[in-house]
């Protein structure tokens, strides 16, 4: 049986289109998946937007990914996000707990900045709130590379923060 976690290892599944956008592909390759709206912000930044995408077992939102040439000479697809209303955030939290079969780890940075985190091998799913220029509720899925000292430090700190005293 193929599970949600199996799909996340490969990429992000757009359920309404019946496709998986694979991780680690270049921008021009990702443009071929699901006919996204292409938004050229400037010579450095290109956004790809999938309107009314359905992901993770039924969540519907506008998804986007951003490619920045200043970060890498050939940036690759490793993150996708979308914004939610406060009402949809509460529904999404209940949905993800049911879909993944467990509560996400709560990472609280302040009263107005927090996220729930689910980690599956090379993929992180975050559902959170951030107060920048008003309240923003978001869902973000990241493909992470588990090598190097930054990864080790990040997960050591998460373990330290969430370990029982």
N, C-alpha and C. Protein backbone atom coordinates (compact mmCIF):
# COMPACT_ATOMS: atom_id res chain seq x y z
N UNK A 1 0.84 -1.18 0.00
CA UNK A 1 0.00 0.00 0.00
C UNK A 1 0.89 1.26 0.00
N UNK A 2 0.62 2.18 -0.90
CA UNK A 2 1.36 3.43 -0.98
C UNK A 2 0.74 4.42 -0.01
N UNK A 3 1.57 5.05 0.81
CA UNK A 3 1.08 5.99 1.81
C UNK A 3 1.44 7.42 1.42
N UNK A 4 0.91 8.36 2.18
CA UNK A 4 1.22 9.78 1.97
C UNK A 4 2.71 10.03 2.10
N UNK A 5 3.35 9.33 3.00
CA UNK A 5 4.77 9.51 3.22
C UNK A 5 5.57 9.04 2.01
N UNK A 6 5.12 7.95 1.37
CA UNK A 6 5.78 7.47 0.16
C UNK A 6 5.76 8.54 -0.93
N UNK A 7 4.63 9.19 -1.11
CA UNK A 7 4.53 10.24 -2.12
C UNK A 7 5.44 11.42 -1.79
N UNK A 8 5.54 11.77 -0.52
CA UNK A 8 6.37 12.91 -0.12
C UNK A 8 7.84 12.66 -0.42
N UNK A 9 8.29 11.43 -0.38
CA UNK A 9 9.69 11.11 -0.69
C UNK A 9 10.01 11.45 -2.14
N UNK A 10 9.03 11.29 -3.02
CA UNK A 10 9.23 11.52 -4.45
C UNK A 10 9.10 13.00 -4.82
N UNK A 11 8.15 13.68 -4.19
CA UNK A 11 7.85 15.06 -4.53
C UNK A 11 6.51 15.44 -3.94
N UNK A 12 5.97 16.54 -4.42
CA UNK A 12 4.65 16.97 -3.92
C UNK A 12 3.60 16.52 -4.93
N UNK A 13 2.59 15.83 -4.44
CA UNK A 13 1.54 15.32 -5.32
C UNK A 13 0.43 16.36 -5.44
N UNK A 14 0.12 16.74 -6.68
CA UNK A 14 -1.04 17.59 -6.95
C UNK A 14 -2.18 16.63 -7.27
N UNK A 15 -2.99 16.35 -6.25
CA UNK A 15 -4.01 15.31 -6.35
C UNK A 15 -5.07 15.63 -7.40
N UNK A 16 -5.42 16.91 -7.54
CA UNK A 16 -6.44 17.28 -8.50
C UNK A 16 -5.97 17.09 -9.94
N UNK A 17 -4.66 17.06 -10.17
CA UNK A 17 -4.12 16.88 -11.51
C UNK A 17 -3.56 15.48 -11.74
N UNK A 18 -3.46 14.71 -10.65
CA UNK A 18 -2.94 13.35 -10.77
C UNK A 18 -1.46 13.29 -11.12
N UNK A 19 -0.68 14.27 -10.64
CA UNK A 19 0.75 14.30 -10.93
C UNK A 19 1.55 14.50 -9.66
N UNK A 20 2.82 14.15 -9.73
CA UNK A 20 3.77 14.42 -8.66
C UNK A 20 4.85 15.33 -9.23
N UNK A 21 5.08 16.45 -8.58
CA UNK A 21 6.18 17.34 -8.97
C UNK A 21 7.41 16.84 -8.22
N UNK A 22 8.38 16.28 -8.94
CA UNK A 22 9.53 15.66 -8.25
C UNK A 22 10.49 16.68 -7.65
N UNK A 23 11.06 16.32 -6.52
CA UNK A 23 12.05 17.15 -5.85
C UNK A 23 13.33 17.22 -6.68
N UNK A 24 14.10 18.27 -6.46
CA UNK A 24 15.44 18.46 -7.01
C UNK A 24 15.50 18.64 -8.52
N UNK A 25 14.43 19.11 -9.12
CA UNK A 25 14.44 19.43 -10.55
C UNK A 25 14.66 20.92 -10.73
N UNK A 26 15.22 21.29 -11.88
CA UNK A 26 15.45 22.69 -12.19
C UNK A 26 14.14 23.38 -12.54
N UNK A 27 14.15 24.71 -12.47
CA UNK A 27 12.94 25.50 -12.71
C UNK A 27 12.32 25.20 -14.06
N UNK A 28 13.13 25.14 -15.12
CA UNK A 28 12.54 24.91 -16.44
C UNK A 28 11.94 23.51 -16.56
N UNK A 29 12.40 22.55 -15.76
CA UNK A 29 11.80 21.21 -15.75
C UNK A 29 10.48 21.22 -14.97
N UNK A 30 10.43 21.95 -13.88
CA UNK A 30 9.22 22.01 -13.05
C UNK A 30 8.08 22.70 -13.78
N UNK A 31 8.40 23.64 -14.65
CA UNK A 31 7.37 24.34 -15.43
C UNK A 31 6.51 23.39 -16.26
N UNK A 32 7.00 22.19 -16.52
CA UNK A 32 6.28 21.21 -17.33
C UNK A 32 5.19 20.48 -16.53
N UNK A 33 5.16 20.64 -15.21
CA UNK A 33 4.24 19.89 -14.35
C UNK A 33 3.02 20.72 -13.98
N UNK A 34 1.89 20.36 -14.50
CA UNK A 34 0.62 20.96 -14.08
C UNK A 34 0.36 22.37 -14.56
N UNK A 35 1.12 22.85 -15.53
CA UNK A 35 0.87 24.16 -16.13
C UNK A 35 0.76 25.29 -15.10
N UNK A 36 1.83 25.53 -14.32
CA UNK A 36 1.77 26.61 -13.32
C UNK A 36 1.79 27.98 -13.99
N UNK A 37 1.29 28.96 -13.26
CA UNK A 37 1.44 30.36 -13.66
C UNK A 37 2.90 30.72 -13.38
N UNK A 38 3.56 31.32 -14.35
CA UNK A 38 4.96 31.71 -14.19
C UNK A 38 5.00 33.21 -13.97
N UNK A 39 5.58 33.61 -12.84
CA UNK A 39 5.67 35.01 -12.47
C UNK A 39 7.15 35.38 -12.36
N UNK A 40 7.60 36.24 -13.25
CA UNK A 40 8.98 36.72 -13.21
C UNK A 40 8.98 37.99 -12.34
N UNK A 41 9.54 37.88 -11.15
CA UNK A 41 9.57 39.01 -10.22
C UNK A 41 10.65 40.01 -10.64
N UNK A 42 11.83 39.51 -10.94
CA UNK A 42 12.94 40.30 -11.47
C UNK A 42 13.93 39.32 -12.09
N UNK A 43 15.09 39.79 -12.47
CA UNK A 43 16.05 38.90 -13.14
C UNK A 43 16.57 37.80 -12.22
N UNK A 44 16.41 37.96 -10.92
CA UNK A 44 16.89 36.98 -9.95
C UNK A 44 15.81 36.00 -9.50
N UNK A 45 14.53 36.42 -9.50
CA UNK A 45 13.47 35.63 -8.87
C UNK A 45 12.38 35.24 -9.86
N UNK A 46 12.07 33.95 -9.86
CA UNK A 46 10.96 33.41 -10.66
C UNK A 46 10.06 32.60 -9.73
N UNK A 47 8.76 32.89 -9.73
CA UNK A 47 7.78 32.14 -8.96
C UNK A 47 6.98 31.25 -9.91
N UNK A 48 6.69 30.03 -9.48
CA UNK A 48 5.76 29.16 -10.17
C UNK A 48 4.57 28.96 -9.24
N UNK A 49 3.35 29.17 -9.76
CA UNK A 49 2.15 29.15 -8.91
C UNK A 49 1.14 28.17 -9.49
N UNK A 50 0.67 27.27 -8.64
CA UNK A 50 -0.40 26.33 -9.00
C UNK A 50 -1.64 26.76 -8.23
N UNK A 51 -2.61 27.33 -8.92
CA UNK A 51 -3.84 27.81 -8.27
C UNK A 51 -4.78 26.65 -7.98
N UNK A 52 -5.43 26.72 -6.83
CA UNK A 52 -6.42 25.72 -6.40
C UNK A 52 -5.87 24.30 -6.43
N UNK A 53 -4.64 24.13 -6.02
CA UNK A 53 -4.03 22.81 -5.96
C UNK A 53 -4.59 22.04 -4.77
N UNK A 54 -4.70 20.74 -4.93
CA UNK A 54 -5.14 19.88 -3.84
C UNK A 54 -3.98 18.95 -3.51
N UNK A 55 -3.55 19.00 -2.24
CA UNK A 55 -2.40 18.21 -1.79
C UNK A 55 -2.70 17.56 -0.45
N UNK A 56 -1.86 16.63 -0.06
CA UNK A 56 -1.88 16.01 1.27
C UNK A 56 -3.27 15.53 1.68
N UNK A 57 -3.89 14.79 0.81
CA UNK A 57 -5.15 14.16 1.15
C UNK A 57 -6.36 15.07 1.14
N UNK A 58 -6.30 16.19 0.45
CA UNK A 58 -7.50 17.01 0.29
C UNK A 58 -7.38 18.48 0.65
N UNK A 59 -6.21 18.96 1.04
CA UNK A 59 -6.06 20.39 1.33
C UNK A 59 -6.00 21.17 0.02
N UNK A 60 -6.85 22.18 -0.10
CA UNK A 60 -6.86 22.99 -1.31
C UNK A 60 -6.33 24.38 -1.01
N UNK A 61 -5.34 24.80 -1.79
CA UNK A 61 -4.76 26.14 -1.64
C UNK A 61 -3.95 26.47 -2.88
N UNK A 62 -3.62 27.74 -3.00
CA UNK A 62 -2.73 28.18 -4.07
C UNK A 62 -1.31 27.91 -3.59
N UNK A 63 -0.58 27.12 -4.36
CA UNK A 63 0.79 26.75 -4.00
C UNK A 63 1.76 27.52 -4.86
N UNK A 64 2.92 27.82 -4.28
CA UNK A 64 3.96 28.42 -5.10
C UNK A 64 5.33 27.98 -4.64
N UNK A 65 6.23 28.01 -5.58
CA UNK A 65 7.63 27.77 -5.29
C UNK A 65 8.41 28.91 -5.91
N UNK A 66 9.57 29.19 -5.35
CA UNK A 66 10.35 30.33 -5.82
C UNK A 66 11.77 29.86 -6.13
N UNK A 67 12.26 30.31 -7.26
CA UNK A 67 13.63 30.01 -7.67
C UNK A 67 14.41 31.32 -7.65
N UNK A 68 15.55 31.32 -6.95
CA UNK A 68 16.42 32.50 -6.87
C UNK A 68 17.79 32.15 -7.41
N UNK A 69 18.18 32.83 -8.46
CA UNK A 69 19.49 32.58 -9.05
C UNK A 69 20.62 32.99 -8.10
N UNK A 70 20.36 33.97 -7.23
CA UNK A 70 21.42 34.43 -6.31
C UNK A 70 21.78 33.37 -5.27
N UNK A 71 20.87 32.40 -5.03
CA UNK A 71 21.15 31.34 -4.06
C UNK A 71 21.94 30.19 -4.68
N UNK A 72 21.77 29.97 -5.97
CA UNK A 72 22.46 28.88 -6.66
C UNK A 72 22.45 29.19 -8.15
N UNK A 73 23.49 28.77 -8.83
CA UNK A 73 23.56 29.06 -10.27
C UNK A 73 22.41 28.38 -11.01
N UNK A 74 22.04 27.17 -10.61
CA UNK A 74 20.89 26.48 -11.17
C UNK A 74 20.02 25.99 -10.02
N UNK A 75 19.16 26.87 -9.48
CA UNK A 75 18.35 26.47 -8.32
C UNK A 75 17.43 25.30 -8.66
N UNK A 76 17.20 24.48 -7.66
CA UNK A 76 16.36 23.29 -7.84
C UNK A 76 15.14 23.36 -6.92
N UNK A 77 14.10 22.62 -7.33
CA UNK A 77 12.84 22.57 -6.59
C UNK A 77 13.03 21.79 -5.30
N UNK A 78 12.92 22.49 -4.16
CA UNK A 78 13.03 21.82 -2.86
C UNK A 78 12.09 22.39 -1.81
N UNK A 79 11.17 23.26 -2.23
CA UNK A 79 10.24 23.85 -1.27
C UNK A 79 9.01 24.37 -2.00
N UNK A 80 7.86 24.19 -1.36
CA UNK A 80 6.61 24.72 -1.91
C UNK A 80 5.76 25.19 -0.74
N UNK A 81 5.01 26.27 -0.94
CA UNK A 81 4.22 26.81 0.17
C UNK A 81 2.94 27.45 -0.34
N UNK A 82 2.03 27.67 0.60
CA UNK A 82 0.79 28.37 0.30
C UNK A 82 0.27 29.02 1.56
N UNK A 83 -0.50 30.08 1.37
CA UNK A 83 -1.08 30.79 2.51
C UNK A 83 -2.51 30.33 2.75
N UNK A 84 -2.92 30.40 4.02
CA UNK A 84 -4.25 29.97 4.44
C UNK A 84 -4.91 31.07 5.25
N UNK A 85 -6.24 31.06 5.29
CA UNK A 85 -6.95 31.93 6.22
C UNK A 85 -6.86 31.31 7.61
N UNK A 86 -7.19 32.08 8.63
CA UNK A 86 -7.15 31.54 10.00
C UNK A 86 -8.11 30.36 10.15
N UNK A 87 -9.27 30.48 9.55
CA UNK A 87 -10.27 29.39 9.61
C UNK A 87 -9.74 28.14 8.91
N UNK A 88 -9.12 28.33 7.74
CA UNK A 88 -8.56 27.20 7.00
C UNK A 88 -7.35 26.61 7.72
N UNK A 89 -6.61 27.43 8.46
CA UNK A 89 -5.48 26.93 9.23
C UNK A 89 -5.96 25.91 10.26
N UNK A 90 -7.02 26.25 10.99
CA UNK A 90 -7.55 25.32 12.01
C UNK A 90 -8.02 24.02 11.38
N UNK A 91 -8.69 24.11 10.24
CA UNK A 91 -9.13 22.91 9.53
C UNK A 91 -7.94 22.10 9.03
N UNK A 92 -6.94 22.79 8.51
CA UNK A 92 -5.75 22.11 7.99
C UNK A 92 -5.01 21.36 9.10
N UNK A 93 -4.94 21.95 10.28
CA UNK A 93 -4.27 21.29 11.40
C UNK A 93 -4.98 19.99 11.74
N UNK A 94 -6.29 20.02 11.87
CA UNK A 94 -7.05 18.80 12.15
C UNK A 94 -6.87 17.77 11.04
N UNK A 95 -6.89 18.25 9.81
CA UNK A 95 -6.74 17.35 8.67
C UNK A 95 -5.36 16.68 8.68
N UNK A 96 -4.31 17.44 8.89
CA UNK A 96 -2.96 16.88 8.86
C UNK A 96 -2.71 15.89 10.00
N UNK A 97 -3.25 16.18 11.17
CA UNK A 97 -3.13 15.23 12.28
C UNK A 97 -3.78 13.90 11.89
N UNK A 98 -4.94 13.97 11.28
CA UNK A 98 -5.62 12.75 10.84
C UNK A 98 -4.86 12.09 9.69
N UNK A 99 -4.43 12.86 8.73
CA UNK A 99 -3.76 12.34 7.54
C UNK A 99 -2.43 11.67 7.87
N UNK A 100 -1.64 12.30 8.73
CA UNK A 100 -0.34 11.75 9.10
C UNK A 100 -0.41 10.79 10.29
N UNK A 101 -1.55 10.77 10.98
CA UNK A 101 -1.73 9.85 12.09
C UNK A 101 -1.06 10.28 13.38
N UNK A 102 -0.67 11.54 13.44
CA UNK A 102 -0.05 12.05 14.67
C UNK A 102 -0.01 13.58 14.64
N UNK A 103 0.10 14.14 15.83
CA UNK A 103 0.23 15.59 15.98
C UNK A 103 1.63 16.02 15.54
N UNK A 104 1.72 17.15 14.90
CA UNK A 104 3.03 17.71 14.57
C UNK A 104 3.69 18.27 15.82
N UNK A 105 5.01 18.35 15.81
CA UNK A 105 5.76 18.94 16.91
C UNK A 105 5.55 20.46 16.87
N UNK A 106 5.13 21.06 17.97
CA UNK A 106 4.91 22.50 18.03
C UNK A 106 6.24 23.20 18.31
N UNK A 107 6.62 24.09 17.40
CA UNK A 107 7.82 24.90 17.55
C UNK A 107 7.33 26.34 17.70
N UNK A 108 7.48 26.88 18.91
CA UNK A 108 6.96 28.21 19.21
C UNK A 108 8.12 29.19 19.34
N UNK A 109 8.13 30.18 18.46
CA UNK A 109 9.17 31.20 18.50
C UNK A 109 8.73 32.41 19.29
N UNK A 110 7.43 32.69 19.29
CA UNK A 110 6.83 33.75 20.09
C UNK A 110 5.33 33.48 20.07
N UNK A 111 4.55 34.33 20.74
CA UNK A 111 3.10 34.14 20.74
C UNK A 111 2.50 34.23 19.34
N UNK A 112 3.12 35.04 18.49
CA UNK A 112 2.57 35.25 17.16
C UNK A 112 3.39 34.58 16.05
N UNK A 113 4.33 33.74 16.43
CA UNK A 113 5.14 33.06 15.43
C UNK A 113 5.41 31.64 15.91
N UNK A 114 4.79 30.68 15.23
CA UNK A 114 4.93 29.27 15.60
C UNK A 114 4.62 28.41 14.39
N UNK A 115 4.99 27.15 14.49
CA UNK A 115 4.57 26.20 13.46
C UNK A 115 4.55 24.79 14.04
N UNK A 116 3.72 23.96 13.42
CA UNK A 116 3.69 22.54 13.70
C UNK A 116 4.57 21.87 12.66
N UNK A 117 5.37 20.91 13.08
CA UNK A 117 6.35 20.28 12.20
C UNK A 117 6.15 18.76 12.19
N UNK A 118 6.06 18.23 11.00
CA UNK A 118 6.08 16.79 10.77
C UNK A 118 7.32 16.51 9.93
N UNK A 119 8.14 15.55 10.33
CA UNK A 119 9.35 15.21 9.58
C UNK A 119 9.24 13.76 9.12
N UNK A 120 9.44 13.56 7.82
CA UNK A 120 9.41 12.23 7.22
C UNK A 120 10.67 12.08 6.37
N UNK A 121 11.65 11.38 6.90
CA UNK A 121 12.91 11.17 6.19
C UNK A 121 13.45 12.48 5.63
N UNK A 122 13.36 12.68 4.33
CA UNK A 122 13.95 13.87 3.71
C UNK A 122 12.95 15.01 3.52
N UNK A 123 11.80 14.95 4.16
CA UNK A 123 10.75 15.95 3.93
C UNK A 123 10.24 16.50 5.26
N UNK A 124 10.09 17.82 5.30
CA UNK A 124 9.45 18.50 6.44
C UNK A 124 8.15 19.12 5.97
N UNK A 125 7.11 18.97 6.75
CA UNK A 125 5.84 19.64 6.50
C UNK A 125 5.61 20.59 7.67
N UNK A 126 5.42 21.87 7.36
CA UNK A 126 5.20 22.88 8.40
C UNK A 126 3.85 23.55 8.16
N UNK A 127 3.12 23.71 9.24
CA UNK A 127 1.86 24.46 9.23
C UNK A 127 2.01 25.49 10.32
N UNK A 128 2.00 26.77 9.95
CA UNK A 128 2.32 27.76 10.96
C UNK A 128 1.67 29.11 10.79
N UNK A 129 2.05 29.98 11.72
CA UNK A 129 1.59 31.37 11.74
C UNK A 129 2.82 32.25 11.91
N UNK A 130 2.80 33.33 11.16
CA UNK A 130 3.90 34.27 11.21
C UNK A 130 3.30 35.67 11.16
N UNK A 131 3.75 36.55 12.02
CA UNK A 131 3.26 37.94 12.00
C UNK A 131 4.30 38.84 11.36
N UNK A 132 4.14 39.03 10.09
CA UNK A 132 4.95 40.00 9.35
C UNK A 132 3.98 40.74 8.44
N UNK A 133 3.84 42.01 8.66
CA UNK A 133 2.90 42.81 7.87
C UNK A 133 1.49 42.23 7.99
N UNK A 134 1.09 41.86 9.21
CA UNK A 134 -0.19 41.21 9.45
C UNK A 134 0.03 39.73 9.68
N UNK A 135 -1.02 39.04 10.07
CA UNK A 135 -0.91 37.61 10.34
C UNK A 135 -0.93 36.82 9.04
N UNK A 136 0.02 35.92 8.91
CA UNK A 136 0.08 35.01 7.78
C UNK A 136 0.05 33.58 8.30
N UNK A 137 -0.90 32.82 7.84
CA UNK A 137 -0.98 31.40 8.14
C UNK A 137 -0.50 30.67 6.89
N UNK A 138 0.33 29.67 7.04
CA UNK A 138 0.94 29.04 5.87
C UNK A 138 1.11 27.54 6.04
N UNK A 139 1.22 26.88 4.91
CA UNK A 139 1.61 25.48 4.84
C UNK A 139 2.85 25.44 3.96
N UNK A 140 3.89 24.77 4.41
CA UNK A 140 5.13 24.69 3.65
C UNK A 140 5.63 23.25 3.68
N UNK A 141 6.06 22.76 2.52
CA UNK A 141 6.65 21.43 2.42
C UNK A 141 8.05 21.61 1.85
N UNK A 142 9.05 21.09 2.57
CA UNK A 142 10.45 21.26 2.18
C UNK A 142 11.13 19.90 2.01
N UNK A 143 11.88 19.78 0.94
CA UNK A 143 12.77 18.65 0.74
C UNK A 143 14.10 19.05 1.35
N UNK A 144 14.59 18.26 2.31
CA UNK A 144 15.82 18.62 3.01
C UNK A 144 16.89 17.58 2.74
N UNK A 145 18.11 18.02 2.69
CA UNK A 145 19.24 17.13 2.50
C UNK A 145 19.85 16.88 3.86
N UNK A 146 19.88 15.62 4.27
CA UNK A 146 20.34 15.28 5.61
C UNK A 146 21.84 15.03 5.67
N UNK A 147 22.60 16.04 5.30
CA UNK A 147 24.04 15.94 5.43
C UNK A 147 24.58 17.27 5.91
N UNK A 148 25.77 17.26 6.39
CA UNK A 148 26.43 18.50 6.77
C UNK A 148 26.12 18.93 8.19
N UNK A 149 26.92 19.84 8.70
CA UNK A 149 26.82 20.28 10.08
C UNK A 149 25.56 21.08 10.35
N UNK A 150 25.04 21.83 9.35
CA UNK A 150 23.83 22.60 9.57
C UNK A 150 22.65 21.68 9.88
N UNK A 151 22.53 20.58 9.13
CA UNK A 151 21.45 19.62 9.40
C UNK A 151 21.58 19.05 10.81
N UNK A 152 22.77 18.60 11.15
CA UNK A 152 23.00 18.00 12.47
C UNK A 152 22.66 19.00 13.57
N UNK A 153 23.11 20.24 13.45
CA UNK A 153 22.83 21.26 14.46
C UNK A 153 21.33 21.53 14.56
N UNK A 154 20.64 21.65 13.42
CA UNK A 154 19.20 21.93 13.42
C UNK A 154 18.45 20.83 14.17
N UNK A 155 18.71 19.58 13.87
CA UNK A 155 17.97 18.50 14.50
C UNK A 155 18.41 18.24 15.93
N UNK A 156 19.64 18.52 16.26
CA UNK A 156 20.07 18.44 17.65
C UNK A 156 19.32 19.47 18.47
N UNK A 157 19.19 20.70 17.92
CA UNK A 157 18.47 21.76 18.64
C UNK A 157 16.99 21.41 18.78
N UNK A 158 16.35 20.88 17.73
CA UNK A 158 14.95 20.47 17.83
C UNK A 158 14.78 19.41 18.90
N UNK A 159 15.69 18.47 18.96
CA UNK A 159 15.63 17.40 19.96
C UNK A 159 15.79 17.99 21.35
N UNK A 160 16.71 18.90 21.52
CA UNK A 160 16.95 19.54 22.81
C UNK A 160 15.73 20.34 23.27
N UNK A 161 15.14 21.08 22.35
CA UNK A 161 13.98 21.92 22.67
C UNK A 161 12.78 21.09 23.08
N UNK A 162 12.60 19.95 22.42
CA UNK A 162 11.39 19.17 22.65
C UNK A 162 11.58 18.01 23.62
N UNK A 163 12.78 17.78 24.10
CA UNK A 163 13.03 16.67 25.02
C UNK A 163 12.39 16.95 26.38
N UNK A 164 11.81 15.92 26.99
CA UNK A 164 11.24 16.11 28.33
C UNK A 164 12.33 16.39 29.36
N UNK A 165 12.02 17.21 30.35
CA UNK A 165 13.01 17.53 31.38
C UNK A 165 12.97 16.55 32.51
